[in-house]
Amino acid sequence: MTGSLGLGARVLAVVAHPDDESFGLGALIAAFSRLGSDTALLCFTHGEASTLHGLDRDLHRVRESELNRAAATLGMGDVRLLDYPDGKLDTSSLDTLRTDVEAMIERSHPDLLLVFDEGGITGHPDHVRATEAAIACARGDLPVAAWALPQDVAAVLNLEFGSAFAGRPPSELDFRLPVDRVTQRRAIACHASQASDNPVLWRRLELLGDTEWLRILNRHGS
């Protein structure tokens, strides 16, 4: 379904890896920034376990640099990159992760938390855990909005690539947002170690066109 989302003056995105803010949330973050919202980012890992890079350099440092460039491109004013082990975020205590999110909330004073959908979109345990940590910090006055995929888009991607995207039926999608992909694509290009051979990403953006979808995860302060 469609609806209107009260855009907060301050948005905090909580993600697992460098590039999640661009590949996944990029069009949404760019839209918030374009509308004058202050946007901040908490990223739990350096993404050092990625197998996409094909680089001889220290991927830990490479991806930190890529993240900083991408965040600036998206108009994000405050970025905190933590050093939890990539691929093992789900083994970290939820209480510990929640403490990090709460510290960032105190630092950036957001009106909205922005995360990946429950299930992590692709089922990646790190994505799931990052969203769980954000939800654990939710209060009645601090909504958690999740980037979600329509089930028809997920079905096409899974058929064409043998992937495991989890889509949502229309009844579970709360807000339809028109987006401009130009800034998102510029941010994606900042992640050169990850974007050069990623056909699933480009196909997803093609299928979504100029639209993204959000779900509200903590209705009535739950």
Protein backbone atom coordinates (compact mmCIF):
# COMPACT_ATOMS: atom_id res chain seq x y z
CA MET A 1 0.00 0.00 0.00
CA THR A 2 1.04 3.60 -0.21
CA GLY A 3 1.09 6.22 2.46
CA SER A 4 2.78 9.35 3.72
CA LEU A 5 5.77 9.11 6.02
CA GLY A 6 6.43 11.92 8.45
CA LEU A 7 10.06 12.56 7.60
CA GLY A 8 12.03 13.26 10.74
CA ALA A 9 14.57 16.04 10.96
CA ARG A 10 17.20 13.48 11.99
CA VAL A 11 17.65 9.93 10.68
CA LEU A 12 20.04 7.27 12.02
CA ALA A 13 20.76 4.32 9.74
CA VAL A 14 21.98 1.16 11.49
CA VAL A 15 23.70 -1.40 9.24
CA ALA A 16 26.11 -4.32 9.41
CA HIS A 17 28.63 -3.64 6.62
CA PRO A 18 30.17 -0.84 4.58
CA ASP A 19 28.09 -0.66 1.36
CA ASP A 20 24.81 -1.57 3.11
CA GLU A 21 24.14 2.16 3.39
CA SER A 22 24.58 2.53 -0.39
CA PHE A 23 23.58 -0.78 -1.99
CA GLY A 24 20.51 -1.15 0.22
CA LEU A 25 19.53 2.13 1.85
CA GLY A 26 21.23 4.53 -0.55
CA ALA A 27 18.20 5.86 -2.41
CA LEU A 28 16.30 6.34 0.84
CA ILE A 29 19.17 8.11 2.59
CA ALA A 30 19.68 10.36 -0.42
CA ALA A 31 15.96 11.20 -0.37
CA PHE A 32 16.07 12.12 3.32
CA SER A 33 19.19 14.25 2.79
CA ARG A 34 17.65 15.96 -0.23
CA LEU A 35 14.63 16.91 1.88
CA GLY A 36 16.86 18.54 4.47
CA SER A 37 17.04 15.77 7.06
CA ASP A 38 20.22 15.27 9.04
CA THR A 39 21.38 11.70 8.42
CA ALA A 40 23.83 9.66 10.48
CA LEU A 41 25.20 6.13 10.19
CA LEU A 42 26.23 3.37 12.58
CA CYS A 43 28.00 0.46 10.85
CA PHE A 44 28.99 -2.53 12.99
CA THR A 45 31.75 -4.14 10.89
CA HIS A 46 34.48 -3.22 8.40
CA GLY A 47 33.24 -5.87 5.94
CA GLU A 48 36.67 -7.48 5.87
CA ALA A 49 35.33 -10.98 5.17
CA SER A 50 33.94 -10.08 1.74
CA THR A 51 34.87 -12.38 -1.13
CA LEU A 52 33.98 -9.88 -3.87
CA HIS A 53 37.02 -7.65 -3.71
CA GLY A 54 39.85 -9.47 -5.49
CA LEU A 55 42.32 -7.00 -3.95
CA ASP A 56 45.77 -7.52 -2.49
CA ARG A 57 45.42 -4.53 -0.19
CA ASP A 58 44.09 -4.57 3.37
CA LEU A 59 40.34 -4.85 2.81
CA HIS A 60 39.69 -3.60 6.35
CA ARG A 61 41.18 -0.20 5.45
CA VAL A 62 39.90 -0.20 1.88
CA ARG A 63 36.32 -0.60 2.93
CA GLU A 64 36.57 2.03 5.65
CA SER A 65 37.78 4.52 3.06
CA GLU A 66 35.05 3.50 0.64
CA LEU A 67 32.41 3.93 3.34
CA ASN A 68 33.56 7.44 4.20
CA ARG A 69 33.41 8.51 0.55
CA ALA A 70 30.00 6.94 0.01
CA ALA A 71 28.55 8.46 3.18
CA ALA A 72 29.73 11.91 2.10
CA THR A 73 28.15 11.36 -1.32
CA LEU A 74 24.84 10.49 0.34
CA GLY A 75 25.02 13.61 2.51
CA MET A 76 25.55 11.80 5.79
CA GLY A 77 27.03 14.09 8.40
CA ASP A 78 28.02 11.65 11.15
CA VAL A 79 29.47 8.17 10.57
CA ARG A 80 30.57 5.72 13.24
CA LEU A 81 32.28 2.55 12.04
CA LEU A 82 32.77 -0.18 14.64
CA ASP A 83 35.01 -3.21 14.49
CA TYR A 84 32.86 -6.25 15.19
CA PRO A 85 33.99 -9.32 13.18
CA ASP A 86 32.42 -9.45 9.73
CA GLY A 87 30.27 -12.54 9.26
CA LYS A 88 29.98 -13.17 13.00
CA LEU A 89 27.81 -10.30 14.19
CA ASP A 90 25.12 -12.75 15.27
CA THR A 91 27.55 -14.20 17.85
CA SER A 92 27.84 -10.84 19.59
CA SER A 93 25.64 -10.16 22.58
CA LEU A 94 22.50 -8.26 21.70
CA ASP A 95 22.95 -6.25 24.89
CA THR A 96 26.42 -5.17 23.73
CA LEU A 97 25.20 -4.18 20.27
CA ARG A 98 22.25 -2.35 21.78
CA THR A 99 24.65 -0.33 23.93
CA ASP A 100 26.44 0.83 20.77
CA VAL A 101 23.17 1.83 19.13
CA GLU A 102 22.03 3.66 22.24
CA ALA A 103 25.32 5.56 22.36
CA MET A 104 24.81 6.64 18.75
CA ILE A 105 21.24 7.66 19.54
CA GLU A 106 22.54 9.86 22.34
CA ARG A 107 25.11 11.32 19.95
CA SER A 108 22.85 12.03 16.96
CA HIS A 109 19.39 12.42 18.59
CA PRO A 110 17.47 10.82 15.69
CA ASP A 111 13.75 11.04 15.11
CA LEU A 112 13.83 7.81 13.06
CA LEU A 113 15.95 4.65 12.90
CA LEU A 114 16.44 3.24 9.39
CA VAL A 115 17.36 -0.44 9.01
CA PHE A 116 17.17 -3.49 6.75
CA ASP A 117 13.94 -5.48 6.96
CA GLU A 118 13.60 -8.25 9.50
CA GLY A 119 15.20 -11.29 7.92
CA GLY A 120 17.96 -9.07 6.55
CA ILE A 121 16.50 -8.92 3.00
CA THR A 122 18.78 -11.80 1.94
CA GLY A 123 18.85 -13.71 5.21
CA HIS A 124 22.42 -12.63 6.00
CA PRO A 125 22.86 -13.18 9.78
CA ASP A 126 24.80 -9.91 10.14
CA HIS A 127 21.95 -7.93 8.58
CA VAL A 128 19.43 -9.67 10.82
CA ARG A 129 21.46 -8.91 13.93
CA ALA A 130 21.98 -5.24 13.09
CA THR A 131 18.22 -4.80 12.74
CA GLU A 132 17.60 -6.67 15.99
CA ALA A 133 19.98 -4.30 17.79
CA ALA A 134 18.12 -1.26 16.46
CA ILE A 135 14.72 -2.67 17.38
CA ALA A 136 15.99 -3.36 20.90
CA CYS A 137 16.54 0.39 21.29
CA ALA A 138 13.15 1.41 19.97
CA ARG A 139 10.93 3.59 22.08
CA GLY A 140 7.44 4.84 21.52
CA ASP A 141 8.78 8.17 20.30
CA LEU A 142 11.49 6.65 18.09
CA PRO A 143 10.07 4.68 15.15
CA VAL A 144 12.09 2.02 13.36
CA ALA A 145 11.56 2.00 9.59
CA ALA A 146 12.81 -0.97 7.60
CA TRP A 147 13.80 -1.01 3.95
CA ALA A 148 11.79 -3.85 2.39
CA LEU A 149 11.41 -5.54 -0.99
CA PRO A 150 8.07 -6.29 -2.64
CA GLN A 151 7.56 -10.01 -3.03
CA ASP A 152 7.30 -9.81 -6.83
CA VAL A 153 10.75 -8.18 -7.06
CA ALA A 154 12.23 -10.77 -4.70
CA ALA A 155 10.68 -13.58 -6.75
CA VAL A 156 12.26 -12.36 -9.99
CA LEU A 157 15.69 -12.02 -8.38
CA ASN A 158 15.47 -15.47 -6.82
CA LEU A 159 14.40 -17.03 -10.11
CA GLU A 160 17.11 -15.35 -12.17
CA PHE A 161 20.01 -15.66 -9.73
CA GLY A 162 19.12 -18.50 -7.38
CA SER A 163 19.27 -15.97 -4.55
CA ALA A 164 17.33 -15.95 -1.28
CA PHE A 165 15.70 -12.53 -1.17
CA ALA A 166 12.73 -12.29 1.18
CA GLY A 167 9.95 -10.13 -0.19
CA ARG A 168 6.81 -8.75 1.40
CA PRO A 169 3.23 -8.83 0.11
CA PRO A 170 1.53 -5.46 -0.43
CA SER A 171 -0.34 -5.78 2.87
CA GLU A 172 2.97 -5.72 4.78
CA LEU A 173 4.44 -2.68 3.01
CA ASP A 174 3.58 0.54 4.79
CA PHE A 175 5.10 3.30 2.67
CA ARG A 176 5.96 3.70 -0.99
CA LEU A 177 8.62 6.35 -1.55
CA PRO A 178 9.60 7.84 -4.91
CA VAL A 179 13.39 8.01 -5.20
CA ASP A 180 16.06 9.28 -7.54
CA ARG A 181 18.79 6.69 -8.16
CA VAL A 182 21.46 9.14 -9.34
CA THR A 183 23.01 9.83 -5.93
CA GLN A 184 22.67 6.21 -4.88
CA ARG A 185 24.57 5.06 -7.97
CA ARG A 186 27.33 7.57 -7.22
CA ALA A 187 27.57 6.22 -3.68
CA ILE A 188 27.66 2.65 -4.96
CA ALA A 189 30.57 3.58 -7.22
CA CYS A 190 32.52 4.63 -4.10
CA HIS A 191 32.51 0.96 -3.07
CA ALA A 192 34.71 -0.13 -5.96
CA SER A 193 35.86 -3.29 -4.18
CA GLN A 194 32.26 -4.54 -4.03
CA ALA A 195 30.38 -3.03 -6.97
CA SER A 196 32.47 -4.05 -9.98
CA ASP A 197 31.01 -7.56 -10.30
CA ASN A 198 27.57 -7.44 -8.73
CA PRO A 199 24.86 -8.20 -11.30
CA VAL A 200 22.25 -8.94 -8.64
CA LEU A 201 22.55 -5.40 -7.33
CA TRP A 202 22.08 -3.80 -10.74
CA ARG A 203 19.12 -6.05 -11.55
CA ARG A 204 17.44 -5.18 -8.24
CA LEU A 205 17.75 -1.47 -8.92
CA GLU A 206 16.36 -2.01 -12.41
CA LEU A 207 13.35 -3.89 -11.09
CA LEU A 208 12.61 -1.32 -8.36
CA GLY A 209 12.89 1.63 -10.74
CA ASP A 210 12.16 4.92 -8.99
CA THR A 211 10.44 3.37 -5.97
CA GLU A 212 11.48 2.04 -2.57
CA TRP A 213 9.32 0.58 0.18
CA LEU A 214 9.38 0.82 3.98
CA ARG A 215 7.83 -1.14 6.85
CA ILE A 216 7.35 0.23 10.35
CA LEU A 217 8.68 -2.33 12.83
CA ASN A 218 7.63 -0.92 16.18
CA ARG A 219 4.00 0.02 15.89
CA HIS A 220 2.43 1.61 18.96
CA GLY A 221 5.83 1.64 20.65
CA SER A 222 6.02 -2.16 20.70
